[in-house]
N, C-alpha and C. Protein backbone atom coordinates (compact mmCIF):
# COMPACT_ATOMS: atom_id res chain seq x y z
N UNK A 1 90.96 113.65 -36.86
CA UNK A 1 91.08 113.96 -37.98
C UNK A 1 90.87 115.16 -38.40
N UNK A 2 91.93 115.93 -39.19
CA UNK A 2 91.88 117.01 -39.59
C UNK A 2 90.89 116.97 -41.12
N UNK A 3 90.05 118.33 -41.40
CA UNK A 3 88.94 118.22 -42.59
C UNK A 3 90.33 117.64 -43.78
N UNK A 4 91.76 118.16 -43.88
CA UNK A 4 91.79 118.03 -44.94
C UNK A 4 92.40 116.16 -45.93
N UNK A 5 92.94 115.92 -44.37
CA UNK A 5 92.91 114.59 -43.85
C UNK A 5 91.80 113.50 -44.81
N UNK A 6 90.66 113.85 -44.24
CA UNK A 6 89.21 113.32 -44.89
C UNK A 6 89.15 113.21 -46.10
N UNK A 7 89.04 114.43 -46.72
CA UNK A 7 89.27 114.67 -48.03
C UNK A 7 89.82 113.95 -48.93
N UNK A 8 90.72 113.59 -48.42
CA UNK A 8 91.89 112.73 -48.80
C UNK A 8 91.71 112.04 -49.14
N UNK A 9 90.45 111.33 -48.25
CA UNK A 9 90.29 109.17 -48.13
C UNK A 9 88.82 109.36 -49.11
N UNK A 10 89.04 110.29 -50.31
CA UNK A 10 87.71 110.82 -50.95
C UNK A 10 88.79 110.65 -52.50
N UNK A 11 87.92 109.11 -53.19
CA UNK A 11 88.28 109.24 -54.23
C UNK A 11 87.22 110.58 -55.67
N UNK A 12 87.69 111.37 -56.49
CA UNK A 12 86.66 112.71 -57.30
C UNK A 12 85.96 111.40 -58.18
N UNK A 13 85.42 112.27 -58.23
CA UNK A 13 84.00 111.36 -59.07
C UNK A 13 85.22 110.81 -60.80
N UNK A 14 85.83 112.30 -61.54
CA UNK A 14 86.14 111.43 -62.15
C UNK A 14 87.00 110.80 -61.98
N UNK A 15 87.45 110.03 -60.76
CA UNK A 15 88.48 108.13 -60.90
C UNK A 15 87.74 107.57 -60.37
N UNK A 16 86.28 108.25 -59.76
CA UNK A 16 85.96 106.97 -59.72
C UNK A 16 85.02 105.72 -61.53
N UNK A 17 84.90 107.20 -62.15
CA UNK A 17 84.13 106.97 -63.72
C UNK A 17 85.61 106.35 -64.16
N UNK A 18 86.85 106.32 -63.77
CA UNK A 18 88.02 105.68 -64.63
C UNK A 18 88.02 104.64 -64.11
N UNK A 19 88.00 104.17 -62.43
CA UNK A 19 87.38 102.96 -62.48
C UNK A 19 86.50 102.04 -62.82
N UNK A 20 85.77 102.33 -63.29
CA UNK A 20 84.08 101.86 -62.94
C UNK A 20 84.78 101.41 -65.05
N UNK A 21 84.89 102.48 -65.46
CA UNK A 21 85.40 102.46 -67.45
C UNK A 21 86.81 101.36 -67.26
N UNK A 22 87.66 100.95 -66.32
CA UNK A 22 89.16 100.04 -66.21
C UNK A 22 88.13 98.92 -65.77
N UNK A 23 86.67 98.46 -65.04
CA UNK A 23 86.09 97.07 -65.16
C UNK A 23 85.58 97.17 -66.29
N UNK A 24 85.05 97.52 -66.67
CA UNK A 24 84.15 97.29 -67.82
C UNK A 24 84.77 97.08 -69.07
N UNK A 25 86.13 97.73 -69.68
CA UNK A 25 86.68 97.21 -70.60
C UNK A 25 87.94 96.20 -70.24
N UNK A 26 87.92 96.19 -69.38
CA UNK A 26 89.15 95.39 -68.88
C UNK A 26 88.77 93.97 -68.26
N UNK A 27 87.57 93.79 -67.67
CA UNK A 27 87.64 92.64 -66.29
C UNK A 27 86.85 91.75 -67.15
N UNK A 28 86.88 90.55 -66.35
CA UNK A 28 86.45 89.69 -67.18
C UNK A 28 87.35 89.13 -68.47
N UNK A 29 88.56 89.25 -68.43
CA UNK A 29 89.26 89.24 -69.63
C UNK A 29 88.71 90.09 -70.84
N UNK A 30 88.16 90.78 -70.63
CA UNK A 30 87.83 91.89 -71.75
C UNK A 30 86.70 91.83 -72.18
N UNK A 31 85.81 91.03 -71.31
CA UNK A 31 83.52 91.19 -71.51
C UNK A 31 83.02 92.33 -70.24
N UNK A 32 83.59 92.45 -69.45
CA UNK A 32 83.78 93.40 -68.40
C UNK A 32 83.09 92.74 -67.21
N UNK A 33 83.00 94.14 -66.46
CA UNK A 33 82.71 93.39 -65.01
C UNK A 33 81.28 93.86 -64.57
N UNK A 34 80.21 93.15 -64.49
CA UNK A 34 79.14 93.73 -63.86
C UNK A 34 79.37 94.82 -62.67
N UNK A 35 78.72 95.93 -62.38
CA UNK A 35 78.49 96.28 -61.70
C UNK A 35 77.46 96.92 -61.20
N UNK A 36 76.44 95.91 -59.91
CA UNK A 36 75.72 96.13 -59.58
C UNK A 36 75.13 96.95 -58.20
N UNK A 37 74.14 98.05 -58.26
CA UNK A 37 73.99 99.46 -57.80
C UNK A 37 72.76 98.95 -56.91
N UNK A 38 72.25 99.45 -55.73
CA UNK A 38 70.97 99.60 -54.89
C UNK A 38 70.45 101.28 -55.55
N UNK A 39 69.68 101.05 -55.63
CA UNK A 39 69.12 102.60 -56.20
C UNK A 39 69.36 103.25 -54.80
N UNK A 40 68.96 102.83 -54.02
CA UNK A 40 68.92 104.30 -52.87
C UNK A 40 68.09 104.03 -52.53
N UNK A 41 67.86 104.60 -50.78
CA UNK A 41 66.52 104.04 -49.53
C UNK A 41 66.58 105.71 -48.66
N UNK A 42 66.64 106.79 -49.94
CA UNK A 42 66.14 107.87 -48.96
C UNK A 42 64.98 108.26 -49.39
N UNK A 43 64.07 107.48 -49.78
CA UNK A 43 62.96 107.70 -49.95
C UNK A 43 61.69 108.88 -49.87
N UNK A 44 62.19 108.08 -48.15
CA UNK A 44 60.92 109.20 -47.51
C UNK A 44 61.33 110.38 -47.19
N UNK A 45 63.01 110.59 -47.10
CA UNK A 45 63.64 111.89 -47.41
C UNK A 45 63.53 112.62 -48.70
N UNK A 46 62.84 111.79 -49.69
CA UNK A 46 62.90 112.50 -50.29
C UNK A 46 63.70 112.34 -52.06
N UNK A 47 64.46 111.57 -51.23
CA UNK A 47 65.78 112.06 -52.34
C UNK A 47 65.66 111.13 -53.76
N UNK A 48 66.82 111.23 -54.70
CA UNK A 48 65.84 110.76 -55.43
C UNK A 48 67.81 110.83 -56.63
N UNK A 49 67.62 108.93 -56.45
CA UNK A 49 68.26 108.31 -56.94
C UNK A 49 69.46 109.23 -58.91
N UNK A 50 68.83 110.14 -59.74
CA UNK A 50 69.34 110.26 -60.04
C UNK A 50 70.36 111.42 -59.67
N UNK A 51 70.58 111.31 -58.97
CA UNK A 51 71.83 112.23 -58.30
C UNK A 51 73.20 111.64 -57.27
N UNK A 52 72.37 110.53 -57.63
CA UNK A 52 73.57 109.03 -56.80
C UNK A 52 74.51 109.22 -58.36
N UNK A 53 75.63 109.70 -58.01
CA UNK A 53 76.79 109.07 -59.20
C UNK A 53 76.96 107.94 -59.45
N UNK A 54 76.46 106.87 -58.24
CA UNK A 54 76.97 105.70 -58.32
C UNK A 54 76.09 104.91 -59.43
N UNK A 55 74.44 105.36 -58.56
CA UNK A 55 73.26 104.74 -59.18
C UNK A 55 73.48 105.54 -61.07
N UNK A 56 73.48 106.67 -61.06
CA UNK A 56 73.53 107.11 -62.80
C UNK A 56 74.77 107.03 -63.02
N UNK A 57 74.89 105.99 -63.36
CA UNK A 57 75.89 105.59 -64.16
C UNK A 57 75.84 104.79 -65.24
N UNK A 58 76.60 104.82 -66.59
CA UNK A 58 76.37 104.40 -67.95
C UNK A 58 77.41 102.73 -67.07
N UNK A 59 78.02 102.69 -67.20
CA UNK A 59 78.77 101.67 -66.61
C UNK A 59 78.24 100.98 -65.29
N UNK A 60 76.92 101.58 -64.29
CA UNK A 60 76.41 100.08 -63.54
C UNK A 60 75.21 99.79 -63.79
N UNK A 61 74.29 98.96 -63.37
CA UNK A 61 73.07 98.78 -63.30
C UNK A 61 72.70 98.73 -61.63
N UNK A 62 71.13 99.81 -62.09
CA UNK A 62 70.86 100.43 -60.68
C UNK A 62 69.88 99.97 -60.75
N UNK A 63 69.63 98.94 -59.69
CA UNK A 63 68.26 97.89 -59.29
C UNK A 63 67.62 98.88 -57.78
N UNK A 64 65.93 99.12 -58.80
CA UNK A 64 64.98 99.10 -57.41
C UNK A 64 64.41 98.27 -56.65
N UNK A 65 63.84 98.19 -55.67
CA UNK A 65 62.72 97.06 -55.24
C UNK A 65 61.71 97.29 -55.10
N UNK A 66 61.02 95.90 -55.09
CA UNK A 66 59.36 95.98 -54.85
C UNK A 66 58.62 95.07 -53.75
N UNK A 67 57.75 95.64 -53.38
CA UNK A 67 57.18 94.55 -52.12
C UNK A 67 56.70 93.33 -52.24
N UNK A 68 56.62 92.31 -51.46
CA UNK A 68 56.09 91.19 -51.79
C UNK A 68 54.38 91.24 -52.60
N UNK A 69 54.26 92.69 -52.26
CA UNK A 69 52.24 92.75 -52.97
C UNK A 69 52.40 93.23 -54.22
N UNK A 70 54.07 93.54 -54.68
CA UNK A 70 54.22 94.10 -56.86
C UNK A 70 53.99 96.27 -55.61
N UNK A 71 53.96 96.30 -54.74
CA UNK A 71 53.85 97.65 -54.46
C UNK A 71 55.55 98.64 -54.32
N UNK A 72 55.57 99.61 -54.28
CA UNK A 72 56.46 100.61 -54.19
C UNK A 72 56.83 100.31 -52.56
N UNK A 73 58.18 100.29 -52.26
CA UNK A 73 58.38 100.46 -50.62
C UNK A 73 58.08 102.32 -50.61
N UNK A 74 58.13 102.21 -48.72
CA UNK A 74 58.19 103.50 -49.02
C UNK A 74 59.79 104.28 -48.60
N UNK A 75 60.37 103.48 -49.06
CA UNK A 75 61.81 103.85 -48.60
C UNK A 75 62.75 104.32 -49.88
N UNK A 76 61.70 103.30 -51.22
CA UNK A 76 62.57 103.91 -53.10
C UNK A 76 62.46 105.04 -52.80
N UNK A 77 63.57 105.23 -53.72
CA UNK A 77 63.70 106.73 -54.66
C UNK A 77 63.78 105.93 -56.14
N UNK A 78 62.63 107.75 -56.55
CA UNK A 78 61.96 107.79 -58.05
C UNK A 78 63.17 108.25 -58.32
N UNK A 79 63.89 107.60 -59.61
CA UNK A 79 65.11 108.51 -60.78
C UNK A 79 64.50 107.24 -62.12
N UNK A 80 65.44 107.99 -63.01
CA UNK A 80 64.96 107.44 -64.06
C UNK A 80 66.48 106.41 -64.59
N UNK A 81 67.69 106.79 -63.21
CA UNK A 81 68.59 105.88 -63.41
C UNK A 81 68.24 104.03 -63.71
N UNK A 82 67.03 103.72 -62.54
CA UNK A 82 66.83 102.60 -62.24
C UNK A 82 66.32 101.47 -63.93
N UNK A 83 67.69 100.51 -63.61
CA UNK A 83 67.77 100.11 -64.85
C UNK A 83 66.32 98.41 -64.35
N UNK A 84 66.05 98.26 -63.02
CA UNK A 84 65.03 96.91 -63.41
C UNK A 84 65.29 96.99 -61.86
N UNK A 85 64.36 96.16 -61.60
CA UNK A 85 63.93 95.96 -59.41
C UNK A 85 64.12 94.13 -59.67
N UNK A 86 64.40 94.10 -58.04
CA UNK A 86 64.21 92.86 -57.56
C UNK A 86 63.61 93.10 -56.27
N UNK A 87 62.95 92.29 -55.82
CA UNK A 87 62.47 91.90 -54.59
C UNK A 87 62.56 92.40 -53.24
N UNK A 88 62.39 92.80 -52.74
CA UNK A 88 63.04 92.84 -51.20
C UNK A 88 61.78 93.53 -49.77
N UNK A 89 62.13 94.13 -48.81
CA UNK A 89 61.19 94.98 -47.63
C UNK A 89 60.22 95.17 -48.49
N UNK A 90 59.26 95.65 -47.59
CA UNK A 90 57.92 96.27 -47.66
C UNK A 90 57.14 96.96 -46.09
N UNK A 91 56.32 96.94 -45.72
CA UNK A 91 55.25 97.40 -44.72
C UNK A 91 55.52 96.16 -43.72
N UNK A 92 55.27 96.79 -42.74
CA UNK A 92 55.73 95.74 -41.33
C UNK A 92 54.77 94.69 -41.87
N UNK A 93 53.98 94.88 -42.41
CA UNK A 93 52.63 93.09 -42.50
C UNK A 93 53.08 92.42 -44.02
N UNK A 94 54.22 92.74 -44.63
CA UNK A 94 54.75 92.59 -45.71
C UNK A 94 56.30 91.84 -45.34
N UNK A 95 56.50 90.24 -45.83
CA UNK A 95 57.35 89.39 -45.57
C UNK A 95 59.43 90.49 -45.93
N UNK A 96 60.32 89.79 -45.05
CA UNK A 96 61.29 90.88 -45.72
C UNK A 96 62.22 89.32 -46.30
N UNK A 97 63.44 89.49 -46.12
CA UNK A 97 64.48 88.57 -47.64
C UNK A 97 65.37 88.21 -46.18
N UNK A 98 64.91 86.56 -46.43
CA UNK A 98 65.79 85.82 -46.04
C UNK A 98 66.67 85.70 -46.17
N UNK A 99 68.14 85.53 -45.35
CA UNK A 99 70.00 85.53 -45.73
C UNK A 99 70.44 85.67 -44.19
N UNK A 100 71.84 84.73 -44.39
CA UNK A 100 72.70 84.14 -43.74
C UNK A 100 73.36 84.91 -42.60
N UNK A 101 73.79 85.28 -41.74
CA UNK A 101 74.22 85.88 -40.31
C UNK A 101 74.78 85.26 -40.18
N UNK A 102 75.98 86.14 -39.10
CA UNK A 102 76.99 86.08 -38.35
C UNK A 102 76.52 84.77 -36.92
N UNK A 103 77.53 84.79 -36.94
CA UNK A 103 77.36 83.33 -36.13
C UNK A 103 76.70 82.44 -36.65
N UNK A 104 76.55 82.10 -37.87
CA UNK A 104 76.11 80.88 -38.25
C UNK A 104 74.44 81.07 -37.76
N UNK A 105 74.19 81.97 -38.59
CA UNK A 105 72.31 82.15 -38.31
C UNK A 105 72.06 82.56 -39.34
N UNK A 106 70.46 82.48 -39.70
CA UNK A 106 69.40 83.31 -40.43
C UNK A 106 69.13 84.46 -40.31
N UNK A 107 68.58 85.69 -40.37
CA UNK A 107 68.01 86.88 -40.75
C UNK A 107 66.54 86.59 -41.59
N UNK A 108 65.77 87.50 -41.31
CA UNK A 108 64.50 87.36 -42.09
C UNK A 108 63.83 88.84 -42.57
N UNK A 109 65.48 89.79 -41.86
CA UNK A 109 64.90 91.48 -41.62
C UNK A 109 65.43 92.17 -42.84
N UNK A 110 66.35 91.57 -44.02
CA UNK A 110 67.22 91.71 -44.52
C UNK A 110 66.24 93.12 -45.80
N UNK A 111 66.83 93.90 -45.61
CA UNK A 111 65.69 95.09 -46.27
C UNK A 111 66.19 95.94 -46.90
N UNK A 112 65.20 96.61 -48.15
CA UNK A 112 65.58 97.75 -48.44
C UNK A 112 66.15 97.36 -49.77
N UNK A 113 66.52 98.79 -50.81
CA UNK A 113 67.40 97.98 -52.08
C UNK A 113 68.92 97.35 -51.67
N UNK A 114 68.96 97.19 -50.48
CA UNK A 114 70.36 96.99 -50.39
C UNK A 114 70.50 95.04 -50.60
N UNK A 115 69.25 94.70 -50.32
CA UNK A 115 68.35 93.18 -50.05
C UNK A 115 68.01 93.18 -52.05
N UNK A 116 68.05 94.45 -52.51
CA UNK A 116 67.27 93.93 -53.98
C UNK A 116 68.46 93.15 -54.57
N UNK A 117 69.42 94.64 -54.62
CA UNK A 117 70.51 94.77 -54.73
C UNK A 117 71.66 93.25 -55.25
N UNK A 118 71.80 92.14 -54.11
CA UNK A 118 72.82 91.08 -54.19
C UNK A 118 71.24 89.76 -55.16
N UNK A 119 70.13 90.47 -54.96
CA UNK A 119 69.09 89.29 -55.92
C UNK A 119 69.44 89.35 -57.33
N UNK A 120 69.53 90.81 -57.62
CA UNK A 120 70.15 91.11 -58.97
C UNK A 120 70.81 90.42 -59.26
N UNK A 121 72.21 90.55 -58.64
CA UNK A 121 73.34 90.37 -58.73
C UNK A 121 73.37 88.69 -59.24
N UNK A 122 73.14 87.75 -58.21
CA UNK A 122 72.49 86.55 -57.46
C UNK A 122 71.91 86.36 -59.70
N UNK A 123 71.38 86.42 -59.79
CA UNK A 123 70.12 86.50 -60.92
C UNK A 123 71.57 86.50 -62.82
N UNK A 124 72.51 87.95 -62.00
CA UNK A 124 72.35 87.88 -63.46
C UNK A 124 74.43 86.75 -63.50
N UNK A 125 74.05 85.79 -62.54
CA UNK A 125 75.12 85.59 -62.36
C UNK A 125 75.00 84.08 -62.93
N UNK A 126 73.30 84.00 -63.03
CA UNK A 126 72.93 82.60 -63.10
C UNK A 126 72.92 82.98 -64.82
N UNK A 127 73.11 84.03 -65.12
CA UNK A 127 72.80 84.08 -67.01
C UNK A 127 74.34 83.63 -67.42
N UNK A 128 75.43 84.19 -66.42
CA UNK A 128 76.67 84.08 -66.89
C UNK A 128 77.20 83.04 -66.72
N UNK A 129 76.39 81.93 -65.75
CA UNK A 129 76.97 80.94 -65.69
C UNK A 129 76.36 79.93 -67.49
N UNK A 130 74.83 80.74 -67.07
CA UNK A 130 74.60 80.35 -68.56
C UNK A 130 74.84 80.63 -70.00
N UNK A 131 75.97 81.20 -69.79
CA UNK A 131 76.76 81.91 -70.99
C UNK A 131 77.67 82.09 -70.42
N UNK A 132 79.11 82.15 -70.40
CA UNK A 132 80.29 83.22 -70.02
C UNK A 132 80.90 83.78 -70.74
N UNK A 133 80.27 84.17 -72.43
CA UNK A 133 80.50 85.06 -73.60
C UNK A 133 79.86 86.26 -72.83
N UNK A 134 79.25 86.35 -72.50
CA UNK A 134 78.17 87.92 -72.40
C UNK A 134 79.37 89.07 -71.48
N UNK A 135 78.99 90.20 -72.42
CA UNK A 135 80.06 91.14 -72.31
C UNK A 135 78.68 92.10 -70.75
N UNK A 136 79.55 93.12 -70.03
CA UNK A 136 78.30 94.10 -69.35
C UNK A 136 77.47 94.59 -70.89
N UNK A 137 77.38 95.32 -71.81
CA UNK A 137 76.42 95.85 -72.54
C UNK A 137 75.24 94.53 -72.52
N UNK A 138 75.97 92.96 -72.96
CA UNK A 138 75.36 92.19 -73.31
C UNK A 138 74.09 91.88 -71.79
N UNK A 139 74.18 91.93 -70.73
CA UNK A 139 73.98 91.71 -69.50
C UNK A 139 72.92 92.75 -69.71
N UNK A 140 73.26 94.34 -69.70
CA UNK A 140 72.31 95.26 -69.43
C UNK A 140 71.07 94.82 -70.35
N UNK A 141 70.98 94.78 -71.57
CA UNK A 141 70.54 94.44 -72.64
C UNK A 141 69.23 93.84 -72.32
N UNK A 142 69.72 92.06 -71.84
CA UNK A 142 69.15 91.39 -71.15
C UNK A 142 68.28 91.47 -70.46
N UNK A 143 69.25 92.04 -69.38
CA UNK A 143 68.14 92.63 -68.45
C UNK A 143 66.78 93.18 -68.45
N UNK A 144 67.10 94.48 -69.28
CA UNK A 144 66.06 95.36 -69.78
C UNK A 144 64.79 94.22 -71.07
N UNK A 145 65.24 93.66 -71.83
CA UNK A 145 64.83 92.55 -72.45
C UNK A 145 63.63 91.62 -72.16
N UNK A 146 64.04 90.99 -70.32
CA UNK A 146 62.68 90.22 -69.84
C UNK A 146 62.73 91.15 -68.53
N UNK A 147 62.78 92.10 -67.96
CA UNK A 147 62.34 92.41 -67.27
C UNK A 147 60.84 92.51 -67.40
N UNK A 148 59.90 92.03 -66.30
CA UNK A 148 58.75 92.15 -65.88
C UNK A 148 57.92 92.59 -65.42
N UNK A 149 57.53 94.49 -66.40
CA UNK A 149 56.44 95.14 -65.62
C UNK A 149 55.08 95.00 -64.76
N UNK A 150 54.48 93.95 -65.47
CA UNK A 150 52.86 93.13 -65.26
C UNK A 150 53.15 93.23 -63.90
N UNK A 151 52.51 94.05 -62.96
CA UNK A 151 52.11 93.55 -61.74
C UNK A 151 52.82 94.20 -60.64
N UNK A 152 53.57 94.72 -61.31
CA UNK A 152 54.52 95.96 -60.39
C UNK A 152 53.05 97.03 -60.14
N UNK A 153 52.30 97.49 -59.15
CA UNK A 153 51.81 98.44 -59.10
C UNK A 153 52.47 100.83 -59.02
N UNK A 154 52.41 101.28 -60.14
CA UNK A 154 52.95 102.11 -60.30
C UNK A 154 51.83 102.62 -61.57
N UNK A 155 51.36 103.81 -61.51
CA UNK A 155 50.08 104.13 -62.26
C UNK A 155 50.04 105.06 -63.57
N UNK A 156 52.35 105.04 -63.08
CA UNK A 156 52.97 106.22 -64.65
C UNK A 156 53.74 105.28 -64.93
N UNK A 157 53.50 104.09 -65.87
CA UNK A 157 54.50 103.73 -66.38
C UNK A 157 53.94 104.11 -68.20
N UNK A 158 54.99 104.29 -68.62
CA UNK A 158 54.66 105.07 -69.73
C UNK A 158 55.52 103.92 -71.16
N UNK A 159 56.17 104.53 -71.67
CA UNK A 159 56.37 103.14 -73.28
C UNK A 159 57.74 104.40 -73.44
N UNK A 160 59.20 103.73 -73.68
CA UNK A 160 60.51 104.61 -74.01
C UNK A 160 59.82 104.65 -76.14
N UNK A 161 61.25 105.32 -75.93
CA UNK A 161 61.08 105.52 -78.06
C UNK A 161 60.79 103.99 -78.35
N UNK A 162 61.38 103.25 -77.44
CA UNK A 162 61.34 101.41 -78.00
C UNK A 162 60.12 100.73 -78.02
N UNK A 163 59.09 101.22 -76.93
CA UNK A 163 58.03 100.70 -77.17
C UNK A 163 58.04 100.30 -75.32
N UNK A 164 59.09 100.27 -75.04
CA UNK A 164 59.13 99.01 -73.47
C UNK A 164 58.47 100.06 -72.71
N UNK A 165 57.85 99.29 -71.70
CA UNK A 165 57.24 100.06 -70.69
C UNK A 165 58.34 100.03 -69.75
N UNK A 166 58.28 101.96 -69.15
CA UNK A 166 59.38 102.11 -68.00
C UNK A 166 58.05 103.20 -67.49
N UNK A 167 58.78 102.75 -65.72
CA UNK A 167 59.25 103.49 -64.54
C UNK A 167 59.88 103.67 -64.37
N UNK A 168 59.59 105.12 -63.47
CA UNK A 168 60.73 106.39 -62.80
C UNK A 168 60.84 105.36 -61.23
N UNK A 169 59.87 104.22 -61.23
CA UNK A 169 60.16 103.43 -59.97
C UNK A 169 60.57 101.83 -59.68
N UNK A 170 60.19 101.57 -60.91
CA UNK A 170 60.86 99.64 -60.98
C UNK A 170 61.85 99.90 -61.96
N UNK A 171 62.01 101.06 -62.95
CA UNK A 171 62.89 100.56 -64.04
C UNK A 171 61.85 99.99 -65.19
N UNK A 172 62.29 98.85 -65.97
CA UNK A 172 61.64 98.41 -66.85
C UNK A 172 61.01 97.11 -66.41
N UNK A 173 61.37 96.87 -64.73
CA UNK A 173 60.26 95.59 -64.53
C UNK A 173 61.10 95.09 -63.45
N UNK A 174 60.83 93.95 -63.47
CA UNK A 174 61.41 93.12 -62.19
C UNK A 174 61.89 91.97 -63.11
N UNK A 175 62.92 91.71 -62.33
CA UNK A 175 64.16 90.69 -62.76
C UNK A 175 63.60 89.12 -63.16
N UNK A 176 63.47 88.77 -64.66
CA UNK A 176 63.06 87.66 -64.31
C UNK A 176 64.30 85.89 -64.23
N UNK A 177 64.28 85.62 -63.67
CA UNK A 177 65.55 84.62 -63.16
C UNK A 177 65.58 83.79 -64.82
N UNK A 178 64.57 82.69 -65.02
CA UNK A 178 64.33 81.81 -65.67
C UNK A 178 64.58 82.37 -67.08
N UNK A 179 63.86 84.05 -67.50
CA UNK A 179 64.48 84.17 -69.28
C UNK A 179 65.00 85.45 -69.20
N UNK A 180 66.49 85.58 -68.34
CA UNK A 180 67.88 85.85 -68.20
C UNK A 180 68.46 84.51 -68.72
N UNK A 181 68.43 83.31 -68.25
CA UNK A 181 69.48 82.42 -68.58
C UNK A 181 69.20 81.59 -69.56
N UNK A 182 67.30 81.68 -70.37
CA UNK A 182 66.93 81.02 -71.23
C UNK A 182 67.40 82.26 -72.54
N UNK A 183 67.67 83.08 -72.39
CA UNK A 183 67.98 84.50 -73.66
C UNK A 183 69.20 84.41 -73.91
N UNK A 184 70.45 84.23 -72.16
CA UNK A 184 71.53 84.20 -72.56
C UNK A 184 71.79 83.39 -72.81
N UNK A 185 71.40 82.06 -73.20
CA UNK A 185 71.98 80.90 -74.12
C UNK A 185 72.22 80.98 -74.95
N UNK A 186 70.95 81.57 -75.72
CA UNK A 186 70.87 81.88 -77.53
C UNK A 186 71.39 83.11 -77.87
N UNK A 187 71.46 84.04 -76.72
CA UNK A 187 72.31 85.53 -77.12
C UNK A 187 73.11 85.93 -78.23
N UNK A 188 73.25 86.88 -79.15
CA UNK A 188 74.54 86.43 -80.43
C UNK A 188 75.00 87.75 -80.14
N UNK A 189 75.33 88.79 -79.34
CA UNK A 189 75.63 90.29 -79.19
C UNK A 189 74.99 90.88 -79.50
N UNK A 190 75.49 91.90 -78.48
CA UNK A 190 74.95 93.90 -78.89
C UNK A 190 75.56 94.41 -79.63
N UNK A 191 75.05 95.75 -79.86
CA UNK A 191 75.39 96.64 -81.17
C UNK A 191 76.63 96.95 -80.24
N UNK A 192 77.14 98.25 -80.50
CA UNK A 192 78.29 99.08 -80.37
C UNK A 192 77.85 99.98 -79.15
N UNK A 193 78.22 100.24 -78.51
CA UNK A 193 77.88 101.64 -77.57
C UNK A 193 77.94 102.84 -77.60
N UNK A 194 76.51 103.12 -77.83
CA UNK A 194 76.37 104.37 -78.66
C UNK A 194 76.75 105.71 -77.57
N UNK A 195 77.75 107.29 -78.11
CA UNK A 195 77.06 108.42 -76.60
C UNK A 195 75.67 108.98 -78.32
N UNK A 196 75.23 110.09 -76.67
CA UNK A 196 74.27 111.25 -77.41
C UNK A 196 75.49 112.07 -76.04
N UNK A 197 75.55 113.35 -76.39
CA UNK A 197 76.29 114.28 -75.79
C UNK A 197 75.22 115.80 -76.25
N UNK A 198 75.36 116.74 -74.85
CA UNK A 198 74.56 117.91 -74.55
C UNK A 198 74.72 118.61 -74.42
N UNK A 199 75.98 119.84 -75.01
CA UNK A 199 76.28 121.04 -74.27
C UNK A 199 75.76 122.40 -74.58
N UNK A 200 76.06 122.58 -72.56
CA UNK A 200 75.22 123.57 -72.53
C UNK A 200 76.60 124.49 -71.27
N UNK A 201 75.58 126.08 -71.37
CA UNK A 201 76.26 126.70 -70.40
C UNK A 201 75.30 126.36 -68.96
N UNK A 202 76.81 126.78 -68.07
CA UNK A 202 76.39 127.06 -66.94
C UNK A 202 75.73 127.91 -66.17
N UNK A 203 74.75 128.05 -65.31
CA UNK A 203 74.09 129.25 -64.84
C UNK A 203 74.80 130.03 -63.97
N UNK A 204 75.15 130.82 -64.04
CA UNK A 204 75.75 131.96 -62.61
C UNK A 204 74.33 131.87 -61.69
N UNK A 205 74.60 131.21 -60.69
CA UNK A 205 73.49 131.73 -59.50
C UNK A 205 73.78 131.84 -58.07
């Protein structure tokens, strides 16, 4: 395949934003589709998910991973784009994620943020089952308000402007299915989305 043909198979970032925007404003009969995204597994290479246009996107919900001992996995990418965390694999001494496999089998080695993101999606599905009227913005708020930072091992937890603990490895903390369902049942709606834009000149280097 010629390089020009290969490039034609890729959508532009502007098109990608349009796809996501259409989903959140028109999906689920106007309540918005929920796009859960793995924050990335390039930690061993020094990758940073702030540079990932899928994870670092206002319309997606980026999910990081924690090991069973609440540690930072060596594959995790550090970045401010991660909203929350779910469990996944760790060192060879720690367990992986058990899931179904082809051939009517189970595997115990599903790993990395590719395993954490589906767990997060399942937790969100429970919240939507408890309250189908939740919008995509409601889900983001509920994830942030119920995430548990306690116990996750990162020496660099900080408090943001709203007074919530935040980690560049774990986001606002470990997702809590029970707390999300309970809050979803009594949720009365979130405020309108606001934008904050800063204009700067491009440097000619």
